[in-house]
């Protein structure tokens, strides 16, 4: 699910114009994807899920310097996505 579009979105979010960090930022996108999946969220190729991956990767990049906790907005977004997914599973049973 990691694409050049997600990389471009991440670079804009972080204010990085140079291509020198592309490989490293791509790894952050893969890590974000894996970490989100580890929480039980089944990602889809939607605008909403792609934004969540970029926001998670952006937080990973920024927190490496100061160790800031996950932003509340991102935590809420992950929780809401997981709850929504679980409710759909219950309704389909």
PDB file of N, CA and C in Angstrom:
ATOM      1  N   UNK A   1       0.815  -1.193   0.000  1.00  0.00           N
ATOM      2  CA  UNK A   1       0.000   0.000   0.000  1.00  0.00           C
ATOM      3  C   UNK A   1       0.864   1.265   0.000  1.00  0.00           C
ATOM      4  N   UNK A   2       2.139   1.135   0.273  1.00  0.00           N
ATOM      5  CA  UNK A   2       3.023   2.305   0.266  1.00  0.00           C
ATOM      6  C   UNK A   2       3.343   2.659  -1.182  1.00  0.00           C
ATOM      7  N   UNK A   3       3.032   3.878  -1.555  1.00  0.00           N
ATOM      8  CA  UNK A   3       3.216   4.323  -2.927  1.00  0.00           C
ATOM      9  C   UNK A   3       4.008   5.623  -2.958  1.00  0.00           C
ATOM     10  N   UNK A   4       4.364   6.022  -4.153  1.00  0.00           N
ATOM     11  CA  UNK A   4       5.062   7.302  -4.294  1.00  0.00           C
ATOM     12  C   UNK A   4       4.153   8.456  -3.895  1.00  0.00           C
ATOM     13  N   UNK A   5       2.841   8.293  -4.052  1.00  0.00           N
ATOM     14  CA  UNK A   5       1.911   9.338  -3.619  1.00  0.00           C
ATOM     15  C   UNK A   5       1.971   9.525  -2.106  1.00  0.00           C
ATOM     16  N   UNK A   6       2.026   8.428  -1.364  1.00  0.00           N
ATOM     17  CA  UNK A   6       2.124   8.523   0.093  1.00  0.00           C
ATOM     18  C   UNK A   6       3.447   9.162   0.495  1.00  0.00           C
ATOM     19  N   UNK A   7       4.507   8.819  -0.211  1.00  0.00           N
ATOM     20  CA  UNK A   7       5.801   9.429   0.072  1.00  0.00           C
ATOM     21  C   UNK A   7       5.741  10.932  -0.171  1.00  0.00           C
ATOM     22  N   UNK A   8       5.122  11.330  -1.254  1.00  0.00           N
ATOM     23  CA  UNK A   8       4.997  12.760  -1.556  1.00  0.00           C
ATOM     24  C   UNK A   8       4.171  13.464  -0.480  1.00  0.00           C
ATOM     25  N   UNK A   9       3.084  12.835  -0.038  1.00  0.00           N
ATOM     26  CA  UNK A   9       2.252  13.420   1.012  1.00  0.00           C
ATOM     27  C   UNK A   9       3.044  13.562   2.315  1.00  0.00           C
ATOM     28  N   UNK A  10       3.832  12.544   2.654  1.00  0.00           N
ATOM     29  CA  UNK A  10       4.624  12.580   3.871  1.00  0.00           C
ATOM     30  C   UNK A  10       5.665  13.688   3.810  1.00  0.00           C
ATOM     31  N   UNK A  11       6.318  13.827   2.667  1.00  0.00           N
ATOM     32  CA  UNK A  11       7.331  14.862   2.520  1.00  0.00           C
ATOM     33  C   UNK A  11       6.723  16.258   2.663  1.00  0.00           C
ATOM     34  N   UNK A  12       5.544  16.464   2.120  1.00  0.00           N
ATOM     35  CA  UNK A  12       4.866  17.755   2.270  1.00  0.00           C
ATOM     36  C   UNK A  12       4.531  17.990   3.735  1.00  0.00           C
ATOM     37  N   UNK A  13       4.003  16.971   4.389  1.00  0.00           N
ATOM     38  CA  UNK A  13       3.637  17.090   5.804  1.00  0.00           C
ATOM     39  C   UNK A  13       4.837  17.452   6.672  1.00  0.00           C
ATOM     40  N   UNK A  14       5.984  16.883   6.344  1.00  0.00           N
ATOM     41  CA  UNK A  14       7.198  17.126   7.126  1.00  0.00           C
ATOM     42  C   UNK A  14       7.978  18.348   6.654  1.00  0.00           C
ATOM     43  N   UNK A  15       7.588  18.909   5.515  1.00  0.00           N
ATOM     44  CA  UNK A  15       8.299  20.065   4.976  1.00  0.00           C
ATOM     45  C   UNK A  15       9.653  19.714   4.397  1.00  0.00           C
ATOM     46  N   UNK A  16       9.754  18.522   3.823  1.00  0.00           N
ATOM     47  CA  UNK A  16      11.010  18.051   3.233  1.00  0.00           C
ATOM     48  C   UNK A  16      10.872  18.075   1.719  1.00  0.00           C
ATOM     49  N   UNK A  17      11.762  18.811   1.062  1.00  0.00           N
ATOM     50  CA  UNK A  17      11.717  18.899  -0.392  1.00  0.00           C
ATOM     51  C   UNK A  17      12.764  18.006  -1.057  1.00  0.00           C
ATOM     52  N   UNK A  18      13.860  17.760  -0.374  1.00  0.00           N
ATOM     53  CA  UNK A  18      14.967  16.992  -0.951  1.00  0.00           C
ATOM     54  C   UNK A  18      14.610  15.512  -1.072  1.00  0.00           C
ATOM     55  N   UNK A  19      15.218  14.871  -2.035  1.00  0.00           N
ATOM     56  CA  UNK A  19      14.984  13.441  -2.255  1.00  0.00           C
ATOM     57  C   UNK A  19      15.929  12.559  -1.449  1.00  0.00           C
ATOM     58  N   UNK A  20      16.868  13.164  -0.757  1.00  0.00           N
ATOM     59  CA  UNK A  20      17.887  12.403  -0.034  1.00  0.00           C
ATOM     60  C   UNK A  20      17.293  11.490   1.045  1.00  0.00           C
ATOM     61  N   UNK A  21      16.141  11.871   1.584  1.00  0.00           N
ATOM     62  CA  UNK A  21      15.508  11.082   2.651  1.00  0.00           C
ATOM     63  C   UNK A  21      14.452  10.093   2.139  1.00  0.00           C
ATOM     64  N   UNK A  22      14.290   9.974   0.844  1.00  0.00           N
ATOM     65  CA  UNK A  22      13.210   9.148   0.296  1.00  0.00           C
ATOM     66  C   UNK A  22      13.232   7.707   0.807  1.00  0.00           C
ATOM     67  N   UNK A  23      14.397   7.079   0.818  1.00  0.00           N
ATOM     68  CA  UNK A  23      14.472   5.680   1.274  1.00  0.00           C
ATOM     69  C   UNK A  23      14.083   5.566   2.740  1.00  0.00           C
ATOM     70  N   UNK A  24      14.594   6.469   3.544  1.00  0.00           N
ATOM     71  CA  UNK A  24      14.291   6.439   4.982  1.00  0.00           C
ATOM     72  C   UNK A  24      12.812   6.713   5.238  1.00  0.00           C
ATOM     73  N   UNK A  25      12.254   7.690   4.541  1.00  0.00           N
ATOM     74  CA  UNK A  25      10.839   8.013   4.727  1.00  0.00           C
ATOM     75  C   UNK A  25       9.943   6.875   4.244  1.00  0.00           C
ATOM     76  N   UNK A  26      10.371   6.197   3.191  1.00  0.00           N
ATOM     77  CA  UNK A  26       9.611   5.035   2.718  1.00  0.00           C
ATOM     78  C   UNK A  26       9.582   3.957   3.787  1.00  0.00           C
ATOM     79  N   UNK A  27      10.688   3.764   4.477  1.00  0.00           N
ATOM     80  CA  UNK A  27      10.733   2.789   5.580  1.00  0.00           C
ATOM     81  C   UNK A  27       9.785   3.203   6.708  1.00  0.00           C
ATOM     82  N   UNK A  28       9.685   4.497   6.977  1.00  0.00           N
ATOM     83  CA  UNK A  28       8.751   4.976   7.986  1.00  0.00           C
ATOM     84  C   UNK A  28       7.313   4.693   7.567  1.00  0.00           C
ATOM     85  N   UNK A  29       7.020   4.813   6.275  1.00  0.00           N
ATOM     86  CA  UNK A  29       5.671   4.487   5.786  1.00  0.00           C
ATOM     87  C   UNK A  29       5.375   2.999   5.967  1.00  0.00           C
ATOM     88  N   UNK A  30       6.347   2.156   5.652  1.00  0.00           N
ATOM     89  CA  UNK A  30       6.165   0.709   5.855  1.00  0.00           C
ATOM     90  C   UNK A  30       5.997   0.381   7.338  1.00  0.00           C
ATOM     91  N   UNK A  31       6.770   1.045   8.186  1.00  0.00           N
ATOM     92  CA  UNK A  31       6.653   0.822   9.631  1.00  0.00           C
ATOM     93  C   UNK A  31       5.282   1.263  10.130  1.00  0.00           C
ATOM     94  N   UNK A  32       4.815   2.396   9.646  1.00  0.00           N
ATOM     95  CA  UNK A  32       3.492   2.880  10.041  1.00  0.00           C
ATOM     96  C   UNK A  32       2.414   1.880   9.622  1.00  0.00           C
ATOM     97  N   UNK A  33       2.522   1.393   8.403  1.00  0.00           N
ATOM     98  CA  UNK A  33       1.570   0.406   7.894  1.00  0.00           C
ATOM     99  C   UNK A  33       1.567  -0.839   8.775  1.00  0.00           C
ATOM    100  N   UNK A  34       2.746  -1.325   9.125  1.00  0.00           N
ATOM    101  CA  UNK A  34       2.868  -2.522   9.963  1.00  0.00           C
ATOM    102  C   UNK A  34       2.343  -2.286  11.377  1.00  0.00           C
ATOM    103  N   UNK A  35       2.679  -1.148  11.950  1.00  0.00           N
ATOM    104  CA  UNK A  35       2.225  -0.843  13.310  1.00  0.00           C
ATOM    105  C   UNK A  35       0.709  -0.720  13.381  1.00  0.00           C
ATOM    106  N   UNK A  36       0.120  -0.106  12.374  1.00  0.00           N
ATOM    107  CA  UNK A  36      -1.344   0.027  12.340  1.00  0.00           C
ATOM    108  C   UNK A  36      -1.981  -1.357  12.201  1.00  0.00           C
ATOM    109  N   UNK A  37      -1.423  -2.183  11.335  1.00  0.00           N
ATOM    110  CA  UNK A  37      -1.958  -3.539  11.153  1.00  0.00           C
ATOM    111  C   UNK A  37      -1.810  -4.356  12.434  1.00  0.00           C
ATOM    112  N   UNK A  38      -0.727  -4.142  13.189  1.00  0.00           N
ATOM    113  CA  UNK A  38      -0.508  -4.862  14.445  1.00  0.00           C
ATOM    114  C   UNK A  38      -1.598  -4.545  15.458  1.00  0.00           C
ATOM    115  N   UNK A  39      -2.201  -3.373  15.353  1.00  0.00           N
ATOM    116  CA  UNK A  39      -3.291  -3.003  16.256  1.00  0.00           C
ATOM    117  C   UNK A  39      -4.603  -3.672  15.867  1.00  0.00           C
ATOM    118  N   UNK A  40      -4.585  -4.432  14.774  1.00  0.00           N
ATOM    119  CA  UNK A  40      -5.777  -5.151  14.345  1.00  0.00           C
ATOM    120  C   UNK A  40      -6.576  -4.442  13.276  1.00  0.00           C
ATOM    121  N   UNK A  41      -6.063  -3.350  12.771  1.00  0.00           N
ATOM    122  CA  UNK A  41      -6.774  -2.590  11.745  1.00  0.00           C
ATOM    123  C   UNK A  41      -6.415  -3.152  10.379  1.00  0.00           C
ATOM    124  N   UNK A  42      -7.458  -3.494   9.615  1.00  0.00           N
ATOM    125  CA  UNK A  42      -7.262  -3.983   8.254  1.00  0.00           C
ATOM    126  C   UNK A  42      -7.345  -2.788   7.322  1.00  0.00           C
ATOM    127  N   UNK A  43      -6.201  -2.349   6.853  1.00  0.00           N
ATOM    128  CA  UNK A  43      -6.140  -1.160   6.009  1.00  0.00           C
ATOM    129  C   UNK A  43      -6.659  -1.452   4.611  1.00  0.00           C
ATOM    130  N   UNK A  44      -7.290  -0.446   4.059  1.00  0.00           N
ATOM    131  CA  UNK A  44      -7.781  -0.507   2.689  1.00  0.00           C
ATOM    132  C   UNK A  44      -7.134   0.629   1.921  1.00  0.00           C
ATOM    133  N   UNK A  45      -7.227   0.577   0.615  1.00  0.00           N
ATOM    134  CA  UNK A  45      -6.651   1.642  -0.207  1.00  0.00           C
ATOM    135  C   UNK A  45      -7.684   2.760  -0.371  1.00  0.00           C
ATOM    136  N   UNK A  46      -7.922   3.470   0.732  1.00  0.00           N
ATOM    137  CA  UNK A  46      -8.854   4.599   0.725  1.00  0.00           C
ATOM    138  C   UNK A  46      -8.095   5.855   1.121  1.00  0.00           C
ATOM    139  N   UNK A  47      -8.672   6.987   0.806  1.00  0.00           N
ATOM    140  CA  UNK A  47      -8.056   8.259   1.170  1.00  0.00           C
ATOM    141  C   UNK A  47      -7.880   8.340   2.678  1.00  0.00           C
ATOM    142  N   UNK A  48      -8.893   7.925   3.410  1.00  0.00           N
ATOM    143  CA  UNK A  48      -8.855   7.984   4.873  1.00  0.00           C
ATOM    144  C   UNK A  48      -7.718   7.130   5.441  1.00  0.00           C
ATOM    145  N   UNK A  49      -7.599   5.899   4.973  1.00  0.00           N
ATOM    146  CA  UNK A  49      -6.541   5.022   5.475  1.00  0.00           C
ATOM    147  C   UNK A  49      -5.157   5.498   5.037  1.00  0.00           C
ATOM    148  N   UNK A  50      -5.049   6.003   3.816  1.00  0.00           N
ATOM    149  CA  UNK A  50      -3.768   6.526   3.349  1.00  0.00           C
ATOM    150  C   UNK A  50      -3.332   7.723   4.189  1.00  0.00           C
ATOM    151  N   UNK A  51      -4.277   8.600   4.535  1.00  0.00           N
ATOM    152  CA  UNK A  51      -3.949   9.729   5.398  1.00  0.00           C
ATOM    153  C   UNK A  51      -3.490   9.254   6.772  1.00  0.00           C
ATOM    154  N   UNK A  52      -4.124   8.220   7.277  1.00  0.00           N
ATOM    155  CA  UNK A  52      -3.753   7.688   8.585  1.00  0.00           C
ATOM    156  C   UNK A  52      -2.323   7.140   8.549  1.00  0.00           C
ATOM    157  N   UNK A  53      -1.952   6.471   7.489  1.00  0.00           N
ATOM    158  CA  UNK A  53      -0.590   5.949   7.345  1.00  0.00           C
ATOM    159  C   UNK A  53       0.408   7.103   7.319  1.00  0.00           C
ATOM    160  N   UNK A  54       0.101   8.142   6.564  1.00  0.00           N
ATOM    161  CA  UNK A  54       0.995   9.293   6.463  1.00  0.00           C
ATOM    162  C   UNK A  54       1.110   9.997   7.812  1.00  0.00           C
ATOM    163  N   UNK A  55       0.002  10.168   8.509  1.00  0.00           N
ATOM    164  CA  UNK A  55       0.043  10.822   9.818  1.00  0.00           C
ATOM    165  C   UNK A  55       0.842  10.003  10.819  1.00  0.00           C
ATOM    166  N   UNK A  56       0.695   8.699  10.774  1.00  0.00           N
ATOM    167  CA  UNK A  56       1.441   7.829  11.682  1.00  0.00           C
ATOM    168  C   UNK A  56       2.938   7.911  11.367  1.00  0.00           C
ATOM    169  N   UNK A  57       3.286   7.838  10.076  1.00  0.00           N
ATOM    170  CA  UNK A  57       4.694   7.922   9.679  1.00  0.00           C
ATOM    171  C   UNK A  57       5.279   9.281  10.050  1.00  0.00           C
ATOM    172  N   UNK A  58       4.503  10.317   9.894  1.00  0.00           N
ATOM    173  CA  UNK A  58       4.943  11.659  10.261  1.00  0.00           C
ATOM    174  C   UNK A  58       5.240  11.744  11.751  1.00  0.00           C
ATOM    175  N   UNK A  59       4.380  11.144  12.562  1.00  0.00           N
ATOM    176  CA  UNK A  59       4.616  11.118  14.008  1.00  0.00           C
ATOM    177  C   UNK A  59       5.877  10.319  14.336  1.00  0.00           C
ATOM    178  N   UNK A  60       6.063   9.179  13.664  1.00  0.00           N
ATOM    179  CA  UNK A  60       7.276   8.387  13.900  1.00  0.00           C
ATOM    180  C   UNK A  60       8.532   9.209  13.595  1.00  0.00           C
ATOM    181  N   UNK A  61       8.499   9.956  12.515  1.00  0.00           N
ATOM    182  CA  UNK A  61       9.641  10.784  12.127  1.00  0.00           C
ATOM    183  C   UNK A  61       9.909  11.860  13.174  1.00  0.00           C
ATOM    184  N   UNK A  62       8.846  12.513  13.618  1.00  0.00           N
ATOM    185  CA  UNK A  62       9.006  13.622  14.564  1.00  0.00           C
ATOM    186  C   UNK A  62       9.363  13.142  15.970  1.00  0.00           C
ATOM    187  N   UNK A  63       8.828  12.026  16.401  1.00  0.00           N
ATOM    188  CA  UNK A  63       9.052  11.580  17.781  1.00  0.00           C
ATOM    189  C   UNK A  63      10.436  10.986  17.976  1.00  0.00           C
ATOM    190  N   UNK A  64      11.146  10.712  16.909  1.00  0.00           N
ATOM    191  CA  UNK A  64      12.491  10.143  17.054  1.00  0.00           C
ATOM    192  C   UNK A  64      13.434  11.128  17.724  1.00  0.00           C
ATOM    193  N   UNK A  65      13.158  12.415  17.590  1.00  0.00           N
ATOM    194  CA  UNK A  65      14.015  13.440  18.178  1.00  0.00           C
ATOM    195  C   UNK A  65      13.711  13.698  19.645  1.00  0.00           C
ATOM    196  N   UNK A  66      12.425  13.735  19.986  1.00  0.00           N
ATOM    197  CA  UNK A  66      12.069  14.148  21.340  1.00  0.00           C
ATOM    198  C   UNK A  66      11.240  13.117  22.101  1.00  0.00           C
ATOM    199  N   UNK A  67      10.863  12.033  21.468  1.00  0.00           N
ATOM    200  CA  UNK A  67      10.131  10.979  22.156  1.00  0.00           C
ATOM    201  C   UNK A  67       8.712  11.344  22.544  1.00  0.00           C
ATOM    202  N   UNK A  68       8.118  12.320  21.851  1.00  0.00           N
ATOM    203  CA  UNK A  68       6.743  12.713  22.165  1.00  0.00           C
ATOM    204  C   UNK A  68       5.789  11.539  22.030  1.00  0.00           C
ATOM    205  N   UNK A  69       4.805  11.517  22.910  1.00  0.00           N
ATOM    206  CA  UNK A  69       3.761  10.490  22.839  1.00  0.00           C
ATOM    207  C   UNK A  69       2.926  10.704  21.582  1.00  0.00           C
ATOM    208  N   UNK A  70       2.195   9.671  21.214  1.00  0.00           N
ATOM    209  CA  UNK A  70       1.339   9.764  20.037  1.00  0.00           C
ATOM    210  C   UNK A  70       0.326  10.889  20.233  1.00  0.00           C
ATOM    211  N   UNK A  71       0.139  11.716  19.219  1.00  0.00           N
ATOM    212  CA  UNK A  71      -0.864  12.779  19.331  1.00  0.00           C
ATOM    213  C   UNK A  71      -2.260  12.191  19.560  1.00  0.00           C
ATOM    214  N   UNK A  72      -3.014  12.845  20.388  1.00  0.00           N
ATOM    215  CA  UNK A  72      -4.352  12.373  20.734  1.00  0.00           C
ATOM    216  C   UNK A  72      -5.225  12.213  19.487  1.00  0.00           C
ATOM    217  N   UNK A  73      -5.091  13.141  18.550  1.00  0.00           N
ATOM    218  CA  UNK A  73      -5.880  13.079  17.318  1.00  0.00           C
ATOM    219  C   UNK A  73      -5.606  11.784  16.554  1.00  0.00           C
ATOM    220  N   UNK A  74      -4.345  11.390  16.489  1.00  0.00           N
ATOM    221  CA  UNK A  74      -3.996  10.158  15.784  1.00  0.00           C
ATOM    222  C   UNK A  74      -4.504   8.937  16.545  1.00  0.00           C
ATOM    223  N   UNK A  75      -4.381   8.954  17.870  1.00  0.00           N
ATOM    224  CA  UNK A  75      -4.888   7.848  18.685  1.00  0.00           C
ATOM    225  C   UNK A  75      -6.395   7.694  18.505  1.00  0.00           C
ATOM    226  N   UNK A  76      -7.135   8.811  18.512  1.00  0.00           N
ATOM    227  CA  UNK A  76      -8.580   8.767  18.293  1.00  0.00           C
ATOM    228  C   UNK A  76      -8.911   8.212  16.920  1.00  0.00           C
ATOM    229  N   UNK A  77      -8.146   8.635  15.942  1.00  0.00           N
ATOM    230  CA  UNK A  77      -8.394   8.182  14.579  1.00  0.00           C
ATOM    231  C   UNK A  77      -8.199   6.665  14.459  1.00  0.00           C
ATOM    232  N   UNK A  78      -7.129   6.161  15.060  1.00  0.00           N
ATOM    233  CA  UNK A  78      -6.880   4.718  15.041  1.00  0.00           C
ATOM    234  C   UNK A  78      -7.985   3.962  15.779  1.00  0.00           C
ATOM    235  N   UNK A  79      -8.358   4.464  16.959  1.00  0.00           N
ATOM    236  CA  UNK A  79      -9.419   3.811  17.739  1.00  0.00           C
ATOM    237  C   UNK A  79     -10.737   3.800  16.976  1.00  0.00           C
ATOM    238  N   UNK A  80     -11.106   4.931  16.386  1.00  0.00           N
ATOM    239  CA  UNK A  80     -12.363   5.012  15.642  1.00  0.00           C
ATOM    240  C   UNK A  80     -12.366   4.075  14.450  1.00  0.00           C
ATOM    241  N   UNK A  81     -11.229   3.974  13.775  1.00  0.00           N
ATOM    242  CA  UNK A  81     -11.131   3.075  12.623  1.00  0.00           C
ATOM    243  C   UNK A  81     -11.286   1.626  13.061  1.00  0.00           C
ATOM    244  N   UNK A  82     -10.658   1.259  14.175  1.00  0.00           N
ATOM    245  CA  UNK A  82     -10.755  -0.107  14.685  1.00  0.00           C
ATOM    246  C   UNK A  82     -12.177  -0.413  15.150  1.00  0.00           C
ATOM    247  N   UNK A  83     -12.789   0.512  15.884  1.00  0.00           N
ATOM    248  CA  UNK A  83     -14.159   0.302  16.359  1.00  0.00           C
ATOM    249  C   UNK A  83     -15.125   0.168  15.187  1.00  0.00           C
ATOM    250  N   UNK A  84     -14.964   0.998  14.190  1.00  0.00           N
ATOM    251  CA  UNK A  84     -15.815   0.935  13.006  1.00  0.00           C
ATOM    252  C   UNK A  84     -15.673  -0.414  12.318  1.00  0.00           C
ATOM    253  N   UNK A  85     -14.455  -0.880  12.192  1.00  0.00           N
ATOM    254  CA  UNK A  85     -14.192  -2.176  11.575  1.00  0.00           C
ATOM    255  C   UNK A  85     -14.846  -3.308  12.374  1.00  0.00           C
ATOM    256  N   UNK A  86     -14.720  -3.255  13.698  1.00  0.00           N
ATOM    257  CA  UNK A  86     -15.295  -4.292  14.553  1.00  0.00           C
ATOM    258  C   UNK A  86     -16.826  -4.299  14.464  1.00  0.00           C
ATOM    259  N   UNK A  87     -17.407  -3.107  14.405  1.00  0.00           N
ATOM    260  CA  UNK A  87     -18.875  -3.027  14.310  1.00  0.00           C
ATOM    261  C   UNK A  87     -19.367  -3.630  12.984  1.00  0.00           C
ATOM    262  N   UNK A  88     -18.633  -3.398  11.912  1.00  0.00           N
ATOM    263  CA  UNK A  88     -19.013  -3.975  10.619  1.00  0.00           C
ATOM    264  C   UNK A  88     -18.946  -5.496  10.679  1.00  0.00           C
ATOM    265  N   UNK A  89     -17.922  -6.021  11.385  1.00  0.00           N
ATOM    266  CA  UNK A  89     -17.795  -7.468  11.532  1.00  0.00           C
ATOM    267  C   UNK A  89     -18.966  -8.054  12.314  1.00  0.00           C
ATOM    268  N   UNK A  90     -19.384  -7.368  13.367  1.00  0.00           N
ATOM    269  CA  UNK A  90     -20.511  -7.825  14.195  1.00  0.00           C
ATOM    270  C   UNK A  90     -21.807  -7.794  13.382  1.00  0.00           C
ATOM    271  N   UNK A  91     -21.988  -6.747  12.600  1.00  0.00           N
ATOM    272  CA  UNK A  91     -23.206  -6.627  11.803  1.00  0.00           C
ATOM    273  C   UNK A  91     -23.297  -7.687  10.713  1.00  0.00           C
ATOM    274  N   UNK A  92     -22.148  -8.135  10.224  1.00  0.00           N
ATOM    275  CA  UNK A  92     -22.130  -9.133   9.156  1.00  0.00           C
ATOM    276  C   UNK A  92     -22.295 -10.566   9.677  1.00  0.00           C
ATOM    277  N   UNK A  93     -22.284 -10.742  10.998  1.00  0.00           N
ATOM    278  CA  UNK A  93     -22.430 -12.093  11.557  1.00  0.00           C
ATOM    279  C   UNK A  93     -23.855 -12.539  11.565  1.00  0.00           C
TER     280      UNK A  93
END
